[in-house]
Amino acid sequence: MQLWQVERPSEQALASKQPFCLDTLRFEQWLQFIFVERMMWLIDQRQALPEQFGLAPMCEESFVARGIDGRRLSVLLKRLDEALSAG
């Protein structure tokens, strides 16, 4: 989708307390710099992975509002949502 970015958002933007950092980041930024990094850390530390997500609906809502076709990513995130929810 060519939405991944090289430059990291500011620490202030990453420190948002809003779900998905809605007030400071776009969904793909949150996915790249918060979600993926956190999941990698949990895996590296052999920690339990979270069991509840809502990534696919958030993806759909975010991209539709911006006129971006995010269906392929949404399908992948739905599978991840289901896999993690299943334990």
N, C-alpha and C. Protein backbone atom coordinates (compact mmCIF):
# COMPACT_ATOMS: atom_id res chain seq x y z
N MET A 1 0.82 -1.20 0.00
CA MET A 1 0.00 0.00 0.00
C MET A 1 0.86 1.26 0.00
N GLN A 2 2.14 1.08 0.20
CA GLN A 2 3.10 2.18 0.20
C GLN A 2 2.77 3.23 1.27
N LEU A 3 2.33 2.78 2.43
CA LEU A 3 2.02 3.70 3.52
C LEU A 3 3.03 3.63 4.65
N TRP A 4 3.93 2.64 4.59
CA TRP A 4 4.97 2.52 5.61
C TRP A 4 5.87 3.72 5.48
N GLN A 5 6.38 4.23 6.57
CA GLN A 5 7.24 5.38 6.49
C GLN A 5 8.57 5.12 7.19
N VAL A 6 9.57 5.85 6.78
CA VAL A 6 10.90 5.70 7.33
C VAL A 6 11.05 6.54 8.58
N GLU A 7 10.56 7.75 8.52
CA GLU A 7 10.72 8.67 9.64
C GLU A 7 9.73 8.36 10.76
N ARG A 8 10.26 8.20 11.95
CA ARG A 8 9.46 7.89 13.13
C ARG A 8 8.73 9.15 13.60
N PRO A 9 7.45 9.02 13.97
CA PRO A 9 6.74 10.17 14.54
C PRO A 9 7.41 10.64 15.83
N SER A 10 7.09 11.82 16.26
CA SER A 10 7.69 12.35 17.48
C SER A 10 7.29 11.50 18.69
N GLU A 11 8.10 11.55 19.71
CA GLU A 11 7.80 10.82 20.94
C GLU A 11 6.48 11.32 21.54
N GLN A 12 6.19 12.58 21.39
CA GLN A 12 4.93 13.14 21.88
C GLN A 12 3.74 12.50 21.16
N ALA A 13 3.84 12.35 19.86
CA ALA A 13 2.77 11.71 19.09
C ALA A 13 2.60 10.25 19.48
N LEU A 14 3.70 9.57 19.73
CA LEU A 14 3.65 8.16 20.11
C LEU A 14 3.15 7.95 21.53
N ALA A 15 3.19 8.98 22.35
CA ALA A 15 2.80 8.87 23.75
C ALA A 15 1.31 9.14 23.98
N SER A 16 0.55 9.30 22.94
CA SER A 16 -0.88 9.55 23.08
C SER A 16 -1.55 8.50 23.96
N LYS A 17 -2.54 8.92 24.70
CA LYS A 17 -3.30 8.00 25.56
C LYS A 17 -4.60 7.53 24.89
N GLN A 18 -4.89 8.07 23.73
CA GLN A 18 -6.10 7.70 23.00
C GLN A 18 -5.94 6.32 22.37
N PRO A 19 -7.02 5.53 22.27
CA PRO A 19 -6.92 4.25 21.56
C PRO A 19 -6.40 4.48 20.13
N PHE A 20 -5.47 3.65 19.71
CA PHE A 20 -4.86 3.73 18.39
C PHE A 20 -4.17 5.08 18.14
N CYS A 21 -3.93 5.84 19.18
CA CYS A 21 -3.32 7.19 19.07
C CYS A 21 -4.09 8.03 18.05
N LEU A 22 -5.41 7.91 18.09
CA LEU A 22 -6.26 8.59 17.11
C LEU A 22 -6.02 10.09 17.01
N ASP A 23 -5.61 10.68 18.11
CA ASP A 23 -5.44 12.13 18.11
C ASP A 23 -4.08 12.58 17.57
N THR A 24 -3.14 11.64 17.38
CA THR A 24 -1.81 12.06 16.96
C THR A 24 -1.25 11.29 15.76
N LEU A 25 -1.78 10.11 15.46
CA LEU A 25 -1.23 9.28 14.38
C LEU A 25 -2.32 8.81 13.44
N ARG A 26 -1.93 8.53 12.21
CA ARG A 26 -2.82 7.82 11.29
C ARG A 26 -2.77 6.34 11.66
N PHE A 27 -3.77 5.58 11.26
CA PHE A 27 -3.82 4.17 11.63
C PHE A 27 -2.56 3.42 11.23
N GLU A 28 -2.09 3.64 10.01
CA GLU A 28 -0.90 2.91 9.56
C GLU A 28 0.34 3.28 10.36
N GLN A 29 0.41 4.52 10.85
CA GLN A 29 1.52 4.90 11.72
C GLN A 29 1.42 4.16 13.05
N TRP A 30 0.22 4.11 13.61
CA TRP A 30 0.03 3.37 14.85
C TRP A 30 0.40 1.91 14.66
N LEU A 31 -0.04 1.33 13.55
CA LEU A 31 0.24 -0.07 13.26
C LEU A 31 1.75 -0.31 13.17
N GLN A 32 2.45 0.55 12.48
CA GLN A 32 3.89 0.39 12.27
C GLN A 32 4.69 0.67 13.54
N PHE A 33 4.41 1.77 14.19
CA PHE A 33 5.30 2.24 15.25
C PHE A 33 4.85 1.86 16.66
N ILE A 34 3.62 1.47 16.83
CA ILE A 34 3.16 1.05 18.15
C ILE A 34 2.87 -0.45 18.15
N PHE A 35 1.93 -0.87 17.33
CA PHE A 35 1.47 -2.26 17.35
C PHE A 35 2.58 -3.25 16.97
N VAL A 36 3.19 -3.07 15.82
CA VAL A 36 4.20 -4.03 15.37
C VAL A 36 5.39 -4.05 16.33
N GLU A 37 5.84 -2.88 16.74
CA GLU A 37 6.97 -2.84 17.67
C GLU A 37 6.62 -3.51 19.00
N ARG A 38 5.43 -3.26 19.50
CA ARG A 38 5.02 -3.88 20.77
C ARG A 38 4.90 -5.39 20.63
N MET A 39 4.30 -5.86 19.55
CA MET A 39 4.15 -7.29 19.34
C MET A 39 5.52 -7.95 19.21
N MET A 40 6.44 -7.34 18.51
CA MET A 40 7.79 -7.89 18.37
C MET A 40 8.47 -7.96 19.73
N TRP A 41 8.30 -6.94 20.55
CA TRP A 41 8.90 -6.95 21.89
C TRP A 41 8.30 -8.08 22.72
N LEU A 42 6.97 -8.24 22.69
CA LEU A 42 6.33 -9.31 23.44
C LEU A 42 6.84 -10.69 23.00
N ILE A 43 6.97 -10.88 21.71
CA ILE A 43 7.47 -12.15 21.18
C ILE A 43 8.92 -12.37 21.62
N ASP A 44 9.75 -11.35 21.47
CA ASP A 44 11.16 -11.47 21.87
C ASP A 44 11.30 -11.79 23.36
N GLN A 45 10.42 -11.23 24.18
CA GLN A 45 10.48 -11.44 25.61
C GLN A 45 9.70 -12.68 26.06
N ARG A 46 9.13 -13.37 25.09
CA ARG A 46 8.32 -14.56 25.37
C ARG A 46 7.17 -14.25 26.33
N GLN A 47 6.57 -13.12 26.11
CA GLN A 47 5.43 -12.68 26.92
C GLN A 47 4.13 -13.13 26.24
N ALA A 48 3.08 -13.18 27.02
CA ALA A 48 1.76 -13.52 26.48
C ALA A 48 1.30 -12.41 25.53
N LEU A 49 0.70 -12.83 24.44
CA LEU A 49 0.17 -11.86 23.48
C LEU A 49 -1.24 -11.46 23.91
N PRO A 50 -1.63 -10.22 23.63
CA PRO A 50 -2.98 -9.79 23.96
C PRO A 50 -4.01 -10.67 23.25
N GLU A 51 -5.17 -10.82 23.85
CA GLU A 51 -6.19 -11.69 23.28
C GLU A 51 -7.34 -10.95 22.62
N GLN A 52 -7.44 -9.70 22.83
CA GLN A 52 -8.56 -8.94 22.26
C GLN A 52 -8.03 -7.78 21.43
N PHE A 53 -8.46 -7.75 20.20
CA PHE A 53 -8.13 -6.65 19.30
C PHE A 53 -9.38 -6.24 18.55
N GLY A 54 -9.25 -5.21 17.80
CA GLY A 54 -10.29 -4.78 16.88
C GLY A 54 -9.59 -4.09 15.73
N LEU A 55 -8.54 -4.73 15.26
CA LEU A 55 -7.71 -4.10 14.24
C LEU A 55 -8.42 -3.95 12.90
N ALA A 56 -9.11 -5.00 12.46
CA ALA A 56 -9.76 -4.95 11.14
C ALA A 56 -10.80 -3.84 11.04
N PRO A 57 -11.72 -3.71 11.99
CA PRO A 57 -12.69 -2.63 11.89
C PRO A 57 -12.04 -1.25 11.91
N MET A 58 -11.00 -1.11 12.72
CA MET A 58 -10.31 0.18 12.78
C MET A 58 -9.62 0.49 11.46
N CYS A 59 -9.04 -0.52 10.86
CA CYS A 59 -8.40 -0.36 9.55
C CYS A 59 -9.43 0.10 8.51
N GLU A 60 -10.54 -0.61 8.47
CA GLU A 60 -11.58 -0.28 7.50
C GLU A 60 -12.07 1.15 7.68
N GLU A 61 -12.37 1.50 8.91
CA GLU A 61 -12.89 2.85 9.19
C GLU A 61 -11.88 3.92 8.82
N SER A 62 -10.65 3.70 9.18
CA SER A 62 -9.60 4.68 8.91
C SER A 62 -9.39 4.90 7.42
N PHE A 63 -9.28 3.80 6.68
CA PHE A 63 -8.98 3.93 5.26
C PHE A 63 -10.17 4.39 4.43
N VAL A 64 -11.36 3.93 4.75
CA VAL A 64 -12.54 4.37 4.02
C VAL A 64 -12.71 5.88 4.15
N ALA A 65 -12.50 6.38 5.36
CA ALA A 65 -12.64 7.82 5.60
C ALA A 65 -11.65 8.63 4.77
N ARG A 66 -10.53 8.01 4.39
CA ARG A 66 -9.50 8.71 3.62
C ARG A 66 -9.50 8.31 2.15
N GLY A 67 -10.46 7.47 1.75
CA GLY A 67 -10.56 7.06 0.35
C GLY A 67 -9.46 6.10 -0.09
N ILE A 68 -8.95 5.31 0.85
CA ILE A 68 -7.89 4.34 0.55
C ILE A 68 -8.49 2.94 0.56
N ASP A 69 -8.13 2.14 -0.42
CA ASP A 69 -8.61 0.76 -0.47
C ASP A 69 -7.74 -0.09 0.46
N GLY A 70 -8.25 -0.36 1.64
CA GLY A 70 -7.51 -1.12 2.63
C GLY A 70 -8.03 -2.52 2.81
N ARG A 71 -8.79 -3.03 1.83
CA ARG A 71 -9.42 -4.35 1.99
C ARG A 71 -8.42 -5.48 2.21
N ARG A 72 -7.33 -5.50 1.47
CA ARG A 72 -6.36 -6.60 1.64
C ARG A 72 -5.75 -6.57 3.04
N LEU A 73 -5.39 -5.39 3.51
CA LEU A 73 -4.84 -5.28 4.86
C LEU A 73 -5.90 -5.64 5.88
N SER A 74 -7.12 -5.21 5.67
CA SER A 74 -8.21 -5.51 6.59
C SER A 74 -8.43 -7.01 6.73
N VAL A 75 -8.35 -7.74 5.62
CA VAL A 75 -8.51 -9.20 5.65
C VAL A 75 -7.41 -9.83 6.51
N LEU A 76 -6.19 -9.38 6.33
CA LEU A 76 -5.08 -9.91 7.12
C LEU A 76 -5.25 -9.58 8.61
N LEU A 77 -5.67 -8.37 8.89
CA LEU A 77 -5.85 -7.98 10.29
C LEU A 77 -7.02 -8.72 10.92
N LYS A 78 -8.04 -9.01 10.13
CA LYS A 78 -9.16 -9.81 10.65
C LYS A 78 -8.68 -11.20 11.04
N ARG A 79 -7.84 -11.79 10.22
CA ARG A 79 -7.29 -13.11 10.54
C ARG A 79 -6.45 -13.05 11.81
N LEU A 80 -5.69 -11.99 11.98
CA LEU A 80 -4.90 -11.81 13.19
C LEU A 80 -5.81 -11.62 14.40
N ASP A 81 -6.84 -10.79 14.25
CA ASP A 81 -7.83 -10.61 15.32
C ASP A 81 -8.39 -11.96 15.76
N GLU A 82 -8.80 -12.77 14.80
CA GLU A 82 -9.42 -14.06 15.10
C GLU A 82 -8.41 -15.02 15.73
N ALA A 83 -7.20 -15.06 15.21
CA ALA A 83 -6.19 -15.97 15.74
C ALA A 83 -5.84 -15.63 17.20
N LEU A 84 -5.68 -14.36 17.49
CA LEU A 84 -5.33 -13.97 18.84
C LEU A 84 -6.51 -14.14 19.79
N SER A 85 -7.71 -13.91 19.30
CA SER A 85 -8.91 -14.10 20.13
C SER A 85 -9.13 -15.56 20.47
N ALA A 86 -8.68 -16.45 19.59
CA ALA A 86 -8.84 -17.89 19.81
C ALA A 86 -7.85 -18.42 20.84
N GLY A 87 -6.86 -17.60 21.17
CA GLY A 87 -5.87 -18.01 22.16
C GLY A 87 -4.81 -18.83 21.51
